[in-house]
N, C-alpha and C. Protein backbone atom coordinates (compact mmCIF):
# COMPACT_ATOMS: atom_id res chain seq x y z
N MET A 1 -8.96 13.58 -22.83
CA MET A 1 -8.62 12.89 -24.04
C MET A 1 -7.14 12.53 -23.99
N GLY A 2 -6.79 11.43 -24.60
CA GLY A 2 -5.40 11.01 -24.59
C GLY A 2 -5.12 10.02 -25.71
N PRO A 3 -3.84 9.69 -25.86
CA PRO A 3 -3.46 8.76 -26.91
C PRO A 3 -3.82 7.32 -26.54
N TRP A 4 -3.76 6.43 -27.52
CA TRP A 4 -3.95 5.00 -27.26
C TRP A 4 -2.94 4.53 -26.23
N GLU A 5 -3.33 3.62 -25.37
CA GLU A 5 -2.40 3.00 -24.45
C GLU A 5 -1.59 1.95 -25.22
N PRO A 6 -0.30 1.78 -24.88
CA PRO A 6 0.55 0.84 -25.65
C PRO A 6 -0.01 -0.58 -25.72
N TRP A 7 -0.63 -1.06 -24.66
CA TRP A 7 -1.13 -2.43 -24.66
C TRP A 7 -2.31 -2.62 -25.61
N MET A 8 -2.88 -1.54 -26.13
CA MET A 8 -4.01 -1.65 -27.06
C MET A 8 -3.56 -2.01 -28.48
N LYS A 9 -2.25 -1.89 -28.73
CA LYS A 9 -1.69 -2.23 -30.05
C LYS A 9 -2.38 -1.46 -31.18
N MET A 10 -2.57 -0.16 -30.96
CA MET A 10 -3.24 0.69 -31.95
C MET A 10 -2.26 1.70 -32.58
N LYS A 11 -0.95 1.51 -32.37
CA LYS A 11 0.04 2.46 -32.86
C LYS A 11 -0.15 2.72 -34.36
N GLY A 12 -0.19 3.99 -34.71
CA GLY A 12 -0.33 4.38 -36.10
C GLY A 12 -1.77 4.44 -36.59
N LYS A 13 -2.72 3.98 -35.79
CA LYS A 13 -4.12 4.02 -36.22
C LYS A 13 -4.75 5.33 -35.75
N PRO A 14 -5.66 5.89 -36.54
CA PRO A 14 -6.28 7.15 -36.12
C PRO A 14 -7.17 6.95 -34.90
N GLY A 15 -7.30 7.99 -34.12
CA GLY A 15 -8.20 7.95 -32.98
C GLY A 15 -7.51 8.31 -31.69
N PHE A 16 -8.26 8.29 -30.61
CA PHE A 16 -7.77 8.65 -29.30
C PHE A 16 -8.75 8.12 -28.25
N LEU A 17 -8.35 8.17 -27.01
CA LEU A 17 -9.21 7.75 -25.90
C LEU A 17 -9.95 8.96 -25.33
N VAL A 18 -11.18 8.75 -24.97
CA VAL A 18 -11.93 9.75 -24.23
C VAL A 18 -12.15 9.14 -22.84
N LEU A 19 -11.57 9.76 -21.84
CA LEU A 19 -11.64 9.24 -20.48
C LEU A 19 -12.64 10.07 -19.67
N ASN A 20 -13.49 9.39 -18.94
CA ASN A 20 -14.48 10.07 -18.11
C ASN A 20 -14.51 9.36 -16.77
N TYR A 21 -14.15 10.06 -15.72
CA TYR A 21 -14.09 9.47 -14.39
C TYR A 21 -15.12 10.14 -13.50
N THR A 22 -15.64 9.38 -12.59
CA THR A 22 -16.53 9.94 -11.58
C THR A 22 -16.25 9.21 -10.27
N GLY A 23 -16.48 9.88 -9.20
CA GLY A 23 -16.23 9.25 -7.90
C GLY A 23 -17.01 9.95 -6.81
N ALA A 24 -16.99 9.35 -5.67
CA ALA A 24 -17.66 9.92 -4.51
C ALA A 24 -16.87 9.53 -3.27
N LYS A 25 -16.95 10.35 -2.27
CA LYS A 25 -16.25 10.11 -1.02
C LYS A 25 -17.26 9.69 0.04
N THR A 26 -16.89 8.71 0.82
CA THR A 26 -17.75 8.29 1.91
C THR A 26 -16.92 8.17 3.18
N SER A 27 -17.53 8.43 4.29
CA SER A 27 -16.82 8.28 5.56
C SER A 27 -17.17 6.95 6.23
N ASP A 28 -17.98 6.13 5.56
CA ASP A 28 -18.43 4.86 6.14
C ASP A 28 -18.07 3.70 5.22
N PHE A 29 -17.00 3.00 5.55
CA PHE A 29 -16.55 1.84 4.78
C PHE A 29 -17.66 0.79 4.69
N GLY A 30 -18.49 0.72 5.70
CA GLY A 30 -19.53 -0.29 5.78
C GLY A 30 -20.60 -0.20 4.71
N ILE A 31 -20.77 0.96 4.08
CA ILE A 31 -21.84 1.08 3.07
C ILE A 31 -21.38 0.67 1.67
N LEU A 32 -20.10 0.36 1.51
CA LEU A 32 -19.61 -0.07 0.20
C LEU A 32 -20.16 -1.44 -0.18
N ASN A 33 -20.18 -1.72 -1.47
CA ASN A 33 -20.58 -3.02 -1.97
C ASN A 33 -19.71 -4.10 -1.32
N PRO A 34 -20.29 -5.22 -0.90
CA PRO A 34 -19.50 -6.28 -0.24
C PRO A 34 -18.32 -6.78 -1.07
N ILE A 35 -18.47 -6.84 -2.39
CA ILE A 35 -17.36 -7.29 -3.23
C ILE A 35 -16.20 -6.31 -3.14
N LEU A 36 -16.50 -5.01 -3.18
CA LEU A 36 -15.47 -3.99 -3.08
C LEU A 36 -14.83 -3.99 -1.69
N LYS A 37 -15.63 -4.17 -0.64
CA LYS A 37 -15.08 -4.23 0.71
C LYS A 37 -14.10 -5.40 0.86
N THR A 38 -14.46 -6.55 0.31
CA THR A 38 -13.58 -7.72 0.37
C THR A 38 -12.28 -7.46 -0.38
N LEU A 39 -12.38 -6.90 -1.57
CA LEU A 39 -11.19 -6.60 -2.37
C LEU A 39 -10.26 -5.65 -1.63
N ILE A 40 -10.81 -4.60 -1.05
CA ILE A 40 -9.98 -3.63 -0.31
C ILE A 40 -9.37 -4.30 0.91
N SER A 41 -10.16 -5.02 1.67
CA SER A 41 -9.67 -5.65 2.89
C SER A 41 -8.57 -6.68 2.63
N GLU A 42 -8.75 -7.48 1.58
CA GLU A 42 -7.81 -8.58 1.34
C GLU A 42 -6.60 -8.20 0.49
N ARG A 43 -6.78 -7.32 -0.50
CA ARG A 43 -5.69 -7.04 -1.43
C ARG A 43 -5.18 -5.61 -1.38
N MET A 44 -6.02 -4.68 -0.91
CA MET A 44 -5.65 -3.28 -1.02
C MET A 44 -5.94 -2.48 0.25
N PRO A 45 -5.48 -2.94 1.41
CA PRO A 45 -5.81 -2.23 2.65
C PRO A 45 -5.31 -0.78 2.69
N LEU A 46 -4.31 -0.46 1.87
CA LEU A 46 -3.82 0.92 1.79
C LEU A 46 -4.94 1.89 1.45
N TYR A 47 -5.95 1.42 0.71
CA TYR A 47 -7.02 2.29 0.25
C TYR A 47 -8.26 2.28 1.15
N ARG A 48 -8.15 1.65 2.30
CA ARG A 48 -9.32 1.64 3.21
C ARG A 48 -9.61 3.02 3.76
N GLU A 49 -8.56 3.78 4.06
CA GLU A 49 -8.73 5.14 4.58
C GLU A 49 -7.82 6.08 3.83
N ALA A 50 -8.31 7.29 3.59
CA ALA A 50 -7.49 8.31 2.92
C ALA A 50 -6.38 8.75 3.86
N PRO A 51 -5.22 9.14 3.32
CA PRO A 51 -4.14 9.64 4.18
C PRO A 51 -4.61 10.88 4.96
N ALA A 52 -4.07 11.05 6.14
CA ALA A 52 -4.43 12.20 6.97
C ALA A 52 -3.72 13.47 6.52
N TYR A 53 -2.78 13.33 5.61
CA TYR A 53 -2.00 14.46 5.11
C TYR A 53 -1.52 14.14 3.70
N ARG A 54 -1.06 15.17 2.99
CA ARG A 54 -0.57 14.96 1.62
C ARG A 54 0.75 14.19 1.65
N LEU A 55 0.84 13.16 0.83
CA LEU A 55 2.04 12.34 0.78
C LEU A 55 3.15 13.06 0.01
N ASP A 56 4.38 12.84 0.42
CA ASP A 56 5.53 13.49 -0.19
C ASP A 56 6.05 12.65 -1.34
N ARG A 57 5.26 12.62 -2.43
CA ARG A 57 5.66 11.86 -3.62
C ARG A 57 4.93 12.44 -4.83
N ALA A 58 5.42 12.07 -6.00
CA ALA A 58 4.81 12.55 -7.23
C ALA A 58 3.42 11.96 -7.39
N ILE A 59 2.55 12.70 -8.04
CA ILE A 59 1.20 12.22 -8.32
C ILE A 59 1.28 11.16 -9.42
N ALA A 60 0.57 10.08 -9.24
CA ALA A 60 0.57 8.99 -10.23
C ALA A 60 -0.35 9.36 -11.40
N THR A 61 0.04 8.91 -12.57
CA THR A 61 -0.79 9.06 -13.76
C THR A 61 -1.02 7.67 -14.34
N SER A 62 -1.86 7.59 -15.34
CA SER A 62 -2.08 6.28 -15.98
C SER A 62 -0.78 5.77 -16.59
N TRP A 63 0.08 6.68 -17.07
CA TRP A 63 1.35 6.26 -17.67
C TRP A 63 2.34 5.77 -16.63
N THR A 64 2.41 6.43 -15.47
CA THR A 64 3.34 5.95 -14.44
C THR A 64 2.87 4.60 -13.91
N ARG A 65 1.56 4.43 -13.74
CA ARG A 65 1.03 3.14 -13.29
C ARG A 65 1.30 2.06 -14.34
N PHE A 66 1.14 2.40 -15.62
CA PHE A 66 1.43 1.46 -16.69
C PHE A 66 2.87 0.99 -16.60
N GLU A 67 3.79 1.93 -16.46
CA GLU A 67 5.21 1.57 -16.38
C GLU A 67 5.51 0.72 -15.15
N GLU A 68 4.90 1.07 -14.02
CA GLU A 68 5.13 0.33 -12.77
C GLU A 68 4.57 -1.09 -12.83
N GLN A 69 3.46 -1.28 -13.51
CA GLN A 69 2.74 -2.54 -13.40
C GLN A 69 2.74 -3.40 -14.66
N PHE A 70 3.36 -2.93 -15.75
CA PHE A 70 3.30 -3.67 -17.01
C PHE A 70 3.99 -5.03 -16.90
N ASP A 71 5.13 -5.12 -16.22
CA ASP A 71 5.81 -6.41 -16.08
C ASP A 71 4.92 -7.42 -15.32
N ALA A 72 4.21 -6.94 -14.31
CA ALA A 72 3.29 -7.82 -13.57
C ALA A 72 2.17 -8.31 -14.48
N TYR A 73 1.70 -7.44 -15.35
CA TYR A 73 0.67 -7.82 -16.32
C TYR A 73 1.19 -8.91 -17.25
N LEU A 74 2.42 -8.73 -17.75
CA LEU A 74 3.01 -9.72 -18.65
C LEU A 74 3.21 -11.07 -17.95
N ARG A 75 3.48 -11.05 -16.64
CA ARG A 75 3.65 -12.28 -15.87
C ARG A 75 2.31 -12.95 -15.56
N GLY A 76 1.21 -12.26 -15.84
CA GLY A 76 -0.11 -12.83 -15.60
C GLY A 76 -0.60 -12.68 -14.17
N GLU A 77 -0.04 -11.71 -13.43
CA GLU A 77 -0.47 -11.51 -12.04
C GLU A 77 -1.92 -11.02 -11.99
N GLU A 78 -2.56 -11.29 -10.86
CA GLU A 78 -3.95 -10.87 -10.66
C GLU A 78 -4.01 -9.36 -10.39
N PHE A 79 -4.96 -8.70 -11.05
CA PHE A 79 -5.16 -7.27 -10.84
C PHE A 79 -6.49 -7.05 -10.15
N PRO A 80 -6.59 -6.00 -9.33
CA PRO A 80 -5.56 -5.03 -9.04
C PRO A 80 -4.44 -5.66 -8.20
N LEU A 81 -3.23 -5.13 -8.39
CA LEU A 81 -2.10 -5.62 -7.61
C LEU A 81 -2.30 -5.28 -6.14
N PRO A 82 -1.77 -6.10 -5.24
CA PRO A 82 -1.90 -5.80 -3.82
C PRO A 82 -1.33 -4.42 -3.46
N ALA A 83 -1.98 -3.76 -2.52
CA ALA A 83 -1.52 -2.46 -2.04
C ALA A 83 -1.53 -2.52 -0.51
N PRO A 84 -0.46 -3.05 0.08
CA PRO A 84 -0.41 -3.15 1.55
C PRO A 84 -0.23 -1.78 2.18
N ILE A 85 -0.51 -1.71 3.46
CA ILE A 85 -0.31 -0.47 4.19
C ILE A 85 1.18 -0.24 4.35
N VAL A 86 1.63 0.96 3.99
CA VAL A 86 3.05 1.33 4.11
C VAL A 86 3.14 2.68 4.81
N ASP A 87 4.23 2.89 5.51
CA ASP A 87 4.46 4.17 6.19
C ASP A 87 5.21 5.07 5.23
N GLU A 88 4.55 6.14 4.77
CA GLU A 88 5.16 7.06 3.81
C GLU A 88 5.33 8.43 4.44
N PRO A 89 6.42 9.12 4.08
CA PRO A 89 6.58 10.48 4.58
C PRO A 89 5.52 11.40 3.96
N GLY A 90 5.15 12.40 4.69
CA GLY A 90 4.13 13.32 4.20
C GLY A 90 4.47 14.77 4.44
N LEU A 91 3.72 15.62 3.80
CA LEU A 91 3.83 17.06 3.97
C LEU A 91 2.75 17.48 4.95
N ARG A 92 3.13 17.82 6.13
CA ARG A 92 2.13 18.16 7.14
C ARG A 92 1.89 19.64 7.24
């Protein structure tokens, strides 16, 4: 459960969000839906494979992502934003 997101323009109104996430892990990229495979391949190759080790950075939350990407949203950029492959330090 959490508060309204700022972009919802619900400030001062009663209520809250109920968030429910589910996911699954697969070792075969080929079994994904073709639309999802295209999206990952063309815009988000960083997410094609899980990191081999824990990355040396803070864990992202919906609020940190909101802060990072809100200006792009206001500019009308296409979402999800591109996520190219980058070399990041890790905790081995």
